[in-house]
Amino acid sequence: MLVADLCTHLPTSEVGEECLMVLVDVASGMHFAYPMIGKSPSDVCRHLLDAITQLKQVRMSMGFSPIPESGWKLHTDAGGEFSGAEVQELLTKEGGVWKPCMTDRHVPFAESAIRSIVDKMRSMIEFGGVPVTFWPYAATHAAAVQRLRICTEYRAWLESNGSNVQPRVFGALCFTPIPH
């Protein structure tokens, strides 16, 4: 099961992002954070597809079927960004269904995930000494660090693809050597 929700009214980033979509795979505990300019269903689709693609690849690297036996279930509130035809078509194509909660209700697990990512994001911005407009980078970094920490299968999959999985400090000065 995947749970997701949007956090709105964040400070406007350098490229105009004001929303954050947080998606959690309940089985693995992996969090995904996607900054968004608005609550567009097409952006929700793009980010949902990215998360599902990564989850499929991790599942296959573990020897499982890319799609869970019961299919993908996306559990969200009844917001228009999730109920649109575009999102429904993507879920159907990817072997999933949308399971909204009752009207005027929230998904506590999704709300908790948002709180976790936003708290980490705020700490990273404060500790890194970067402007608040850098929140999209801090949010995606917080989710990436969480995935590496909580899901050893994800870490192994990244390592098998040649990715560096050593945690990095957000906002730290870094220098790139220039080849001679």
N, C-alpha and C. Protein backbone atom coordinates (compact mmCIF):
# COMPACT_ATOMS: atom_id res chain seq x y z
N MET A 1 0.84 -1.17 0.00
CA MET A 1 0.00 0.00 0.00
C MET A 1 0.89 1.24 0.00
N LEU A 2 0.49 2.20 -0.78
CA LEU A 2 1.16 3.49 -0.83
C LEU A 2 0.22 4.52 -0.21
N VAL A 3 0.74 5.39 0.63
CA VAL A 3 -0.06 6.50 1.15
C VAL A 3 0.60 7.79 0.71
N ALA A 4 -0.21 8.79 0.44
CA ALA A 4 0.33 10.06 -0.04
C ALA A 4 -0.55 11.21 0.39
N ASP A 5 0.07 12.37 0.45
CA ASP A 5 -0.66 13.60 0.70
C ASP A 5 0.22 14.77 0.28
N LEU A 6 -0.40 15.94 0.21
CA LEU A 6 0.31 17.16 -0.15
C LEU A 6 0.39 18.09 1.05
N CYS A 7 1.51 18.77 1.16
CA CYS A 7 1.70 19.83 2.14
C CYS A 7 1.76 21.12 1.33
N THR A 8 0.87 22.05 1.61
CA THR A 8 0.80 23.28 0.82
C THR A 8 1.24 24.48 1.66
N HIS A 9 1.29 25.63 1.03
CA HIS A 9 1.62 26.90 1.67
C HIS A 9 3.05 26.93 2.21
N LEU A 10 3.95 26.28 1.51
CA LEU A 10 5.36 26.38 1.87
C LEU A 10 5.92 27.64 1.21
N PRO A 11 7.05 28.15 1.69
CA PRO A 11 7.63 29.35 1.05
C PRO A 11 7.92 29.07 -0.43
N THR A 12 7.75 30.06 -1.26
CA THR A 12 8.00 29.88 -2.69
C THR A 12 9.50 29.68 -2.92
N SER A 13 9.84 28.59 -3.62
CA SER A 13 11.24 28.30 -3.92
C SER A 13 11.71 29.15 -5.10
N GLU A 14 12.97 28.98 -5.49
CA GLU A 14 13.54 29.76 -6.60
C GLU A 14 12.81 29.51 -7.91
N VAL A 15 12.23 28.32 -8.07
CA VAL A 15 11.54 28.00 -9.33
C VAL A 15 10.02 28.00 -9.17
N GLY A 16 9.52 28.46 -8.03
CA GLY A 16 8.08 28.62 -7.84
C GLY A 16 7.37 27.49 -7.14
N GLU A 17 8.09 26.53 -6.60
CA GLU A 17 7.45 25.41 -5.89
C GLU A 17 6.90 25.90 -4.55
N GLU A 18 5.64 25.50 -4.26
CA GLU A 18 5.00 25.88 -3.01
C GLU A 18 4.33 24.70 -2.31
N CYS A 19 4.34 23.53 -2.96
CA CYS A 19 3.71 22.33 -2.40
C CYS A 19 4.73 21.21 -2.31
N LEU A 20 4.47 20.27 -1.43
CA LEU A 20 5.31 19.09 -1.28
C LEU A 20 4.43 17.86 -1.25
N MET A 21 4.66 16.94 -2.19
CA MET A 21 3.96 15.66 -2.16
C MET A 21 4.85 14.65 -1.46
N VAL A 22 4.32 14.03 -0.42
CA VAL A 22 5.04 12.98 0.30
C VAL A 22 4.30 11.68 0.07
N LEU A 23 5.04 10.67 -0.36
CA LEU A 23 4.47 9.36 -0.65
C LEU A 23 5.27 8.33 0.16
N VAL A 24 4.57 7.38 0.77
CA VAL A 24 5.22 6.35 1.59
C VAL A 24 4.77 4.97 1.13
N ASP A 25 5.74 4.07 0.92
CA ASP A 25 5.43 2.67 0.71
C ASP A 25 5.35 2.04 2.10
N VAL A 26 4.16 1.65 2.49
CA VAL A 26 3.94 1.16 3.85
C VAL A 26 4.76 -0.11 4.12
N ALA A 27 4.87 -1.00 3.13
CA ALA A 27 5.58 -2.27 3.33
C ALA A 27 7.05 -2.06 3.65
N SER A 28 7.72 -1.18 2.92
CA SER A 28 9.15 -0.98 3.13
C SER A 28 9.46 0.18 4.06
N GLY A 29 8.50 1.09 4.22
CA GLY A 29 8.74 2.28 5.03
C GLY A 29 9.45 3.39 4.27
N MET A 30 9.68 3.18 2.98
CA MET A 30 10.40 4.17 2.19
C MET A 30 9.54 5.40 1.95
N HIS A 31 10.14 6.59 2.17
CA HIS A 31 9.48 7.87 1.95
C HIS A 31 10.01 8.49 0.66
N PHE A 32 9.14 9.14 -0.07
CA PHE A 32 9.50 9.90 -1.27
C PHE A 32 8.94 11.30 -1.10
N ALA A 33 9.74 12.32 -1.42
CA ALA A 33 9.29 13.71 -1.31
C ALA A 33 9.49 14.38 -2.66
N TYR A 34 8.42 15.02 -3.14
CA TYR A 34 8.44 15.67 -4.45
C TYR A 34 7.91 17.10 -4.35
N PRO A 35 8.80 18.10 -4.50
CA PRO A 35 8.33 19.49 -4.53
C PRO A 35 7.49 19.72 -5.79
N MET A 36 6.45 20.54 -5.65
CA MET A 36 5.54 20.81 -6.77
C MET A 36 5.18 22.29 -6.80
N ILE A 37 4.95 22.81 -8.01
CA ILE A 37 4.55 24.21 -8.15
C ILE A 37 3.10 24.39 -7.70
N GLY A 38 2.24 23.46 -8.01
CA GLY A 38 0.84 23.53 -7.61
C GLY A 38 0.32 22.13 -7.34
N LYS A 39 -0.98 22.01 -7.24
CA LYS A 39 -1.61 20.71 -6.94
C LYS A 39 -2.07 20.03 -8.22
N SER A 40 -1.28 20.11 -9.25
CA SER A 40 -1.66 19.59 -10.56
C SER A 40 -1.67 18.05 -10.60
N PRO A 41 -2.76 17.45 -11.09
CA PRO A 41 -2.79 15.99 -11.24
C PRO A 41 -1.68 15.46 -12.16
N SER A 42 -1.27 16.25 -13.15
CA SER A 42 -0.19 15.77 -14.04
C SER A 42 1.13 15.68 -13.29
N ASP A 43 1.39 16.63 -12.37
CA ASP A 43 2.60 16.53 -11.54
C ASP A 43 2.50 15.36 -10.58
N VAL A 44 1.31 15.15 -10.01
CA VAL A 44 1.10 14.00 -9.12
C VAL A 44 1.40 12.71 -9.88
N CYS A 45 0.92 12.62 -11.12
CA CYS A 45 1.17 11.42 -11.94
C CYS A 45 2.65 11.20 -12.17
N ARG A 46 3.34 12.27 -12.55
CA ARG A 46 4.78 12.17 -12.84
C ARG A 46 5.54 11.67 -11.62
N HIS A 47 5.24 12.21 -10.46
CA HIS A 47 5.94 11.82 -9.24
C HIS A 47 5.52 10.43 -8.76
N LEU A 48 4.26 10.12 -8.89
CA LEU A 48 3.78 8.79 -8.53
C LEU A 48 4.45 7.72 -9.39
N LEU A 49 4.57 8.01 -10.67
CA LEU A 49 5.23 7.06 -11.58
C LEU A 49 6.70 6.88 -11.21
N ASP A 50 7.37 7.97 -10.82
CA ASP A 50 8.77 7.87 -10.41
C ASP A 50 8.91 6.95 -9.19
N ALA A 51 8.06 7.14 -8.19
CA ALA A 51 8.13 6.31 -6.98
C ALA A 51 7.82 4.85 -7.29
N ILE A 52 6.78 4.61 -8.09
CA ILE A 52 6.42 3.23 -8.44
C ILE A 52 7.53 2.57 -9.23
N THR A 53 8.16 3.30 -10.14
CA THR A 53 9.27 2.75 -10.92
C THR A 53 10.42 2.33 -10.01
N GLN A 54 10.77 3.19 -9.06
CA GLN A 54 11.84 2.84 -8.12
C GLN A 54 11.46 1.62 -7.27
N LEU A 55 10.23 1.59 -6.80
CA LEU A 55 9.78 0.46 -5.99
C LEU A 55 9.79 -0.84 -6.79
N LYS A 56 9.38 -0.78 -8.05
CA LYS A 56 9.42 -1.98 -8.91
C LYS A 56 10.84 -2.48 -9.06
N GLN A 57 11.78 -1.57 -9.29
CA GLN A 57 13.17 -1.98 -9.48
C GLN A 57 13.76 -2.59 -8.22
N VAL A 58 13.42 -2.03 -7.07
CA VAL A 58 13.90 -2.60 -5.80
C VAL A 58 13.29 -3.98 -5.59
N ARG A 59 12.00 -4.12 -5.85
CA ARG A 59 11.33 -5.42 -5.70
C ARG A 59 11.97 -6.48 -6.60
N MET A 60 12.25 -6.11 -7.86
CA MET A 60 12.86 -7.07 -8.79
C MET A 60 14.27 -7.44 -8.33
N SER A 61 15.02 -6.49 -7.78
CA SER A 61 16.38 -6.79 -7.31
C SER A 61 16.35 -7.76 -6.13
N MET A 62 15.21 -7.81 -5.42
CA MET A 62 15.05 -8.72 -4.28
C MET A 62 14.48 -10.07 -4.71
N GLY A 63 14.16 -10.21 -6.01
CA GLY A 63 13.62 -11.47 -6.50
C GLY A 63 12.12 -11.56 -6.42
N PHE A 64 11.44 -10.44 -6.15
CA PHE A 64 9.98 -10.40 -6.09
C PHE A 64 9.41 -9.96 -7.43
N SER A 65 8.11 -10.18 -7.58
CA SER A 65 7.39 -9.64 -8.73
C SER A 65 7.44 -8.12 -8.63
N PRO A 66 7.57 -7.42 -9.78
CA PRO A 66 7.63 -5.95 -9.71
C PRO A 66 6.37 -5.31 -9.13
N ILE A 67 5.24 -5.99 -9.28
CA ILE A 67 3.98 -5.47 -8.75
C ILE A 67 3.52 -6.40 -7.63
N PRO A 68 3.16 -5.85 -6.46
CA PRO A 68 2.67 -6.72 -5.38
C PRO A 68 1.49 -7.58 -5.84
N GLU A 69 1.33 -8.74 -5.23
CA GLU A 69 0.25 -9.66 -5.62
C GLU A 69 -1.11 -8.98 -5.59
N SER A 70 -1.34 -8.15 -4.62
CA SER A 70 -2.64 -7.47 -4.52
C SER A 70 -2.67 -6.17 -5.32
N GLY A 71 -1.60 -5.87 -6.04
CA GLY A 71 -1.53 -4.63 -6.82
C GLY A 71 -1.18 -3.44 -5.94
N TRP A 72 -0.93 -2.31 -6.58
CA TRP A 72 -0.64 -1.09 -5.84
C TRP A 72 -1.95 -0.50 -5.34
N LYS A 73 -2.00 -0.13 -4.09
CA LYS A 73 -3.16 0.57 -3.55
C LYS A 73 -2.66 1.93 -3.08
N LEU A 74 -3.22 2.97 -3.66
CA LEU A 74 -2.86 4.33 -3.26
C LEU A 74 -3.94 4.85 -2.33
N HIS A 75 -3.57 5.08 -1.07
CA HIS A 75 -4.52 5.54 -0.05
C HIS A 75 -4.22 7.02 0.22
N THR A 76 -5.19 7.88 -0.07
CA THR A 76 -5.03 9.32 0.12
C THR A 76 -6.32 9.91 0.66
N ASP A 77 -6.28 11.22 0.87
CA ASP A 77 -7.54 11.91 1.15
C ASP A 77 -8.29 12.03 -0.17
N ALA A 78 -9.45 12.63 -0.16
CA ALA A 78 -10.27 12.69 -1.37
C ALA A 78 -9.99 13.94 -2.20
N GLY A 79 -8.77 14.47 -2.11
CA GLY A 79 -8.41 15.68 -2.83
C GLY A 79 -8.47 15.51 -4.35
N GLY A 80 -8.77 16.60 -5.03
CA GLY A 80 -8.89 16.59 -6.48
C GLY A 80 -7.60 16.24 -7.19
N GLU A 81 -6.45 16.50 -6.56
CA GLU A 81 -5.17 16.17 -7.19
C GLU A 81 -4.98 14.66 -7.33
N PHE A 82 -5.68 13.87 -6.52
CA PHE A 82 -5.58 12.41 -6.60
C PHE A 82 -6.76 11.77 -7.31
N SER A 83 -7.91 12.46 -7.32
CA SER A 83 -9.11 11.85 -7.88
C SER A 83 -9.27 12.05 -9.38
N GLY A 84 -8.40 12.83 -10.00
CA GLY A 84 -8.51 13.11 -11.42
C GLY A 84 -8.34 11.88 -12.30
N ALA A 85 -8.90 11.95 -13.50
CA ALA A 85 -8.84 10.83 -14.45
C ALA A 85 -7.41 10.45 -14.80
N GLU A 86 -6.53 11.45 -14.88
CA GLU A 86 -5.14 11.19 -15.24
C GLU A 86 -4.45 10.28 -14.21
N VAL A 87 -4.67 10.55 -12.94
CA VAL A 87 -4.08 9.73 -11.87
C VAL A 87 -4.70 8.34 -11.89
N GLN A 88 -6.01 8.27 -12.08
CA GLN A 88 -6.71 6.98 -12.12
C GLN A 88 -6.20 6.11 -13.27
N GLU A 89 -5.99 6.73 -14.43
CA GLU A 89 -5.49 5.98 -15.59
C GLU A 89 -4.09 5.45 -15.32
N LEU A 90 -3.24 6.27 -14.71
CA LEU A 90 -1.88 5.82 -14.40
C LEU A 90 -1.91 4.64 -13.44
N LEU A 91 -2.72 4.74 -12.39
CA LEU A 91 -2.81 3.64 -11.42
C LEU A 91 -3.28 2.36 -12.08
N THR A 92 -4.30 2.46 -12.93
CA THR A 92 -4.82 1.28 -13.63
C THR A 92 -3.72 0.68 -14.51
N LYS A 93 -3.01 1.52 -15.23
CA LYS A 93 -1.93 1.06 -16.12
C LYS A 93 -0.82 0.36 -15.33
N GLU A 94 -0.56 0.86 -14.12
CA GLU A 94 0.52 0.30 -13.29
C GLU A 94 0.04 -0.83 -12.39
N GLY A 95 -1.20 -1.26 -12.54
CA GLY A 95 -1.72 -2.38 -11.75
C GLY A 95 -2.18 -1.97 -10.37
N GLY A 96 -2.74 -0.79 -10.25
CA GLY A 96 -3.15 -0.32 -8.94
C GLY A 96 -4.55 0.27 -8.92
N VAL A 97 -4.97 0.65 -7.73
CA VAL A 97 -6.27 1.29 -7.53
C VAL A 97 -6.11 2.41 -6.50
N TRP A 98 -7.02 3.36 -6.57
CA TRP A 98 -7.05 4.46 -5.62
C TRP A 98 -8.05 4.14 -4.52
N LYS A 99 -7.62 4.23 -3.29
CA LYS A 99 -8.47 3.97 -2.13
C LYS A 99 -8.55 5.24 -1.28
N PRO A 100 -9.49 6.13 -1.61
CA PRO A 100 -9.58 7.37 -0.82
C PRO A 100 -10.23 7.11 0.53
N CYS A 101 -9.87 7.94 1.49
CA CYS A 101 -10.56 7.86 2.78
C CYS A 101 -11.87 8.65 2.66
N MET A 102 -12.66 8.62 3.69
CA MET A 102 -13.95 9.31 3.65
C MET A 102 -13.74 10.81 3.45
N THR A 103 -14.75 11.45 2.88
CA THR A 103 -14.70 12.89 2.64
C THR A 103 -14.44 13.63 3.96
N ASP A 104 -13.64 14.67 3.87
CA ASP A 104 -13.28 15.50 5.02
C ASP A 104 -12.47 14.74 6.07
N ARG A 105 -11.82 13.68 5.66
CA ARG A 105 -10.93 12.93 6.55
C ARG A 105 -9.52 12.97 5.99
N HIS A 106 -8.56 12.64 6.83
CA HIS A 106 -7.16 12.59 6.41
C HIS A 106 -6.62 11.19 6.65
N VAL A 107 -5.48 10.90 6.05
CA VAL A 107 -4.80 9.63 6.25
C VAL A 107 -3.70 9.88 7.30
N PRO A 108 -3.89 9.41 8.52
CA PRO A 108 -2.92 9.72 9.58
C PRO A 108 -1.48 9.34 9.23
N PHE A 109 -1.29 8.19 8.57
CA PHE A 109 0.07 7.76 8.23
C PHE A 109 0.72 8.76 7.27
N ALA A 110 -0.04 9.27 6.32
CA ALA A 110 0.48 10.26 5.37
C ALA A 110 0.78 11.58 6.08
N GLU A 111 -0.11 11.99 6.98
CA GLU A 111 0.11 13.22 7.73
C GLU A 111 1.37 13.11 8.60
N SER A 112 1.59 11.95 9.18
CA SER A 112 2.79 11.72 9.99
C SER A 112 4.04 11.77 9.13
N ALA A 113 3.97 11.20 7.94
CA ALA A 113 5.12 11.21 7.03
C ALA A 113 5.46 12.64 6.61
N ILE A 114 4.43 13.43 6.33
CA ILE A 114 4.67 14.84 5.98
C ILE A 114 5.36 15.55 7.13
N ARG A 115 4.84 15.34 8.35
CA ARG A 115 5.43 16.00 9.52
C ARG A 115 6.90 15.60 9.67
N SER A 116 7.20 14.33 9.48
CA SER A 116 8.58 13.84 9.60
C SER A 116 9.49 14.52 8.57
N ILE A 117 9.07 14.56 7.33
CA ILE A 117 9.90 15.16 6.27
C ILE A 117 10.04 16.67 6.49
N VAL A 118 8.94 17.35 6.82
CA VAL A 118 9.00 18.80 7.02
C VAL A 118 9.88 19.14 8.23
N ASP A 119 9.80 18.38 9.30
CA ASP A 119 10.66 18.63 10.46
C ASP A 119 12.13 18.47 10.10
N LYS A 120 12.45 17.40 9.38
CA LYS A 120 13.84 17.19 8.94
C LYS A 120 14.28 18.30 8.00
N MET A 121 13.39 18.70 7.10
CA MET A 121 13.68 19.77 6.14
C MET A 121 14.02 21.07 6.89
N ARG A 122 13.21 21.43 7.87
CA ARG A 122 13.46 22.66 8.63
C ARG A 122 14.80 22.60 9.38
N SER A 123 15.10 21.44 9.96
CA SER A 123 16.37 21.29 10.67
C SER A 123 17.54 21.42 9.72
N MET A 124 17.42 20.82 8.54
CA MET A 124 18.52 20.89 7.56
C MET A 124 18.74 22.32 7.08
N ILE A 125 17.67 23.05 6.86
CA ILE A 125 17.80 24.44 6.41
C ILE A 125 18.46 25.28 7.50
N GLU A 126 18.03 25.09 8.74
CA GLU A 126 18.61 25.84 9.85
C GLU A 126 20.08 25.48 10.06
N PHE A 127 20.37 24.18 10.11
CA PHE A 127 21.74 23.72 10.34
C PHE A 127 22.66 24.09 9.19
N GLY A 128 22.16 23.98 7.95
CA GLY A 128 22.98 24.28 6.78
C GLY A 128 23.17 25.76 6.53
N GLY A 129 22.34 26.58 7.18
CA GLY A 129 22.49 28.02 7.00
C GLY A 129 22.11 28.49 5.60
N VAL A 130 21.22 27.76 4.95
CA VAL A 130 20.82 28.14 3.60
C VAL A 130 19.48 28.88 3.65
N PRO A 131 19.19 29.68 2.63
CA PRO A 131 17.91 30.39 2.61
C PRO A 131 16.74 29.41 2.59
N VAL A 132 15.61 29.85 3.14
CA VAL A 132 14.42 29.00 3.22
C VAL A 132 13.91 28.62 1.83
N THR A 133 14.28 29.37 0.80
CA THR A 133 13.86 29.05 -0.56
C THR A 133 14.50 27.76 -1.07
N PHE A 134 15.43 27.20 -0.32
CA PHE A 134 16.07 25.94 -0.69
C PHE A 134 15.34 24.74 -0.11
N TRP A 135 14.13 24.95 0.43
CA TRP A 135 13.39 23.86 1.07
C TRP A 135 13.18 22.66 0.14
N PRO A 136 12.98 22.81 -1.19
CA PRO A 136 12.78 21.60 -2.01
C PRO A 136 13.98 20.65 -1.97
N TYR A 137 15.18 21.23 -1.94
CA TYR A 137 16.39 20.39 -1.89
C TYR A 137 16.49 19.69 -0.53
N ALA A 138 16.17 20.41 0.52
CA ALA A 138 16.21 19.81 1.86
C ALA A 138 15.17 18.70 2.01
N ALA A 139 13.99 18.91 1.46
CA ALA A 139 12.92 17.89 1.56
C ALA A 139 13.30 16.63 0.80
N THR A 140 13.80 16.76 -0.43
CA THR A 140 14.18 15.57 -1.19
C THR A 140 15.38 14.87 -0.54
N HIS A 141 16.28 15.66 0.04
CA HIS A 141 17.43 15.07 0.73
C HIS A 141 16.97 14.31 1.98
N ALA A 142 16.02 14.88 2.72
CA ALA A 142 15.51 14.21 3.93
C ALA A 142 14.88 12.87 3.57
N ALA A 143 14.10 12.84 2.49
CA ALA A 143 13.47 11.58 2.08
C ALA A 143 14.53 10.57 1.61
N ALA A 144 15.53 11.05 0.88
CA ALA A 144 16.58 10.14 0.39
C ALA A 144 17.37 9.53 1.55
N VAL A 145 17.71 10.34 2.52
CA VAL A 145 18.44 9.83 3.69
C VAL A 145 17.57 8.83 4.45
N GLN A 146 16.29 9.12 4.57
CA GLN A 146 15.38 8.21 5.27
C GLN A 146 15.30 6.87 4.54
N ARG A 147 15.22 6.89 3.20
CA ARG A 147 15.16 5.63 2.44
C ARG A 147 16.43 4.81 2.64
N LEU A 148 17.58 5.46 2.64
CA LEU A 148 18.85 4.75 2.83
C LEU A 148 18.94 4.16 4.23
N ARG A 149 18.43 4.89 5.20
CA ARG A 149 18.54 4.45 6.60
C ARG A 149 17.58 3.30 6.90
N ILE A 150 16.38 3.35 6.36
CA ILE A 150 15.34 2.41 6.78
C ILE A 150 15.25 1.16 5.91
N CYS A 151 15.68 1.24 4.66
CA CYS A 151 15.47 0.11 3.74
C CYS A 151 16.80 -0.39 3.19
N THR A 152 17.30 -1.47 3.78
CA THR A 152 18.59 -2.01 3.33
C THR A 152 18.52 -2.53 1.90
N GLU A 153 17.34 -2.98 1.48
CA GLU A 153 17.19 -3.46 0.10
C GLU A 153 17.36 -2.32 -0.90
N TYR A 154 16.84 -1.15 -0.55
CA TYR A 154 16.99 0.02 -1.41
C TYR A 154 18.46 0.41 -1.51
N ARG A 155 19.14 0.40 -0.36
CA ARG A 155 20.57 0.71 -0.34
C ARG A 155 21.35 -0.27 -1.22
N ALA A 156 21.05 -1.56 -1.08
CA ALA A 156 21.74 -2.59 -1.89
C ALA A 156 21.46 -2.39 -3.38
N TRP A 157 20.22 -2.03 -3.72
CA TRP A 157 19.87 -1.79 -5.12
C TRP A 157 20.67 -0.61 -5.67
N LEU A 158 20.77 0.47 -4.89
CA LEU A 158 21.56 1.63 -5.34
C LEU A 158 23.02 1.26 -5.52
N GLU A 159 23.58 0.51 -4.56
CA GLU A 159 24.98 0.10 -4.65
C GLU A 159 25.21 -0.77 -5.87
N SER A 160 24.25 -1.67 -6.18
CA SER A 160 24.42 -2.55 -7.35
C SER A 160 24.39 -1.76 -8.65
N ASN A 161 23.79 -0.56 -8.63
CA ASN A 161 23.77 0.31 -9.81
C ASN A 161 24.93 1.29 -9.82
N GLY A 162 25.85 1.15 -8.87
CA GLY A 162 27.03 2.01 -8.83
C GLY A 162 26.83 3.35 -8.16
N SER A 163 25.72 3.53 -7.46
CA SER A 163 25.47 4.80 -6.78
C SER A 163 26.20 4.86 -5.45
N ASN A 164 26.63 6.05 -5.09
CA ASN A 164 27.26 6.26 -3.80
C ASN A 164 26.16 6.38 -2.75
N VAL A 165 26.20 5.55 -1.75
CA VAL A 165 25.14 5.54 -0.74
C VAL A 165 25.60 6.11 0.61
N GLN A 166 26.76 6.75 0.63
CA GLN A 166 27.22 7.36 1.87
C GLN A 166 26.39 8.60 2.17
N PRO A 167 25.88 8.71 3.39
CA PRO A 167 25.07 9.90 3.72
C PRO A 167 25.89 11.18 3.60
N ARG A 168 25.23 12.21 3.17
CA ARG A 168 25.85 13.52 3.04
C ARG A 168 25.14 14.50 3.96
N VAL A 169 25.87 15.54 4.37
CA VAL A 169 25.30 16.58 5.20
C VAL A 169 24.70 17.63 4.28
N PHE A 170 23.45 17.96 4.48
CA PHE A 170 22.78 18.96 3.65
C PHE A 170 23.32 20.35 3.97
N GLY A 171 23.61 21.11 2.93
CA GLY A 171 24.04 22.48 3.09
C GLY A 171 25.51 22.66 3.36
N ALA A 172 26.28 21.56 3.42
CA ALA A 172 27.72 21.68 3.68
C ALA A 172 28.43 22.18 2.43
N LEU A 173 29.45 22.98 2.64
CA LEU A 173 30.27 23.42 1.52
C LEU A 173 30.95 22.22 0.89
N CYS A 174 31.01 22.21 -0.40
CA CYS A 174 31.74 21.12 -1.05
C CYS A 174 32.54 21.70 -2.20
N PHE A 175 33.60 21.03 -2.53
CA PHE A 175 34.48 21.47 -3.60
C PHE A 175 34.67 20.31 -4.55
N THR A 176 34.67 20.61 -5.83
CA THR A 176 34.87 19.58 -6.84
C THR A 176 36.27 19.76 -7.42
N PRO A 177 37.06 18.69 -7.41
CA PRO A 177 38.41 18.81 -7.99
C PRO A 177 38.30 19.02 -9.51
N ILE A 178 39.13 19.89 -10.00
CA ILE A 178 39.17 20.15 -11.44
C ILE A 178 40.26 19.28 -12.02
N PRO A 179 39.92 18.40 -12.99
CA PRO A 179 40.95 17.54 -13.58
C PRO A 179 42.00 18.38 -14.31
N HIS A 180 43.24 17.91 -14.23
CA HIS A 180 44.34 18.62 -14.92
C HIS A 180 44.53 18.07 -16.30
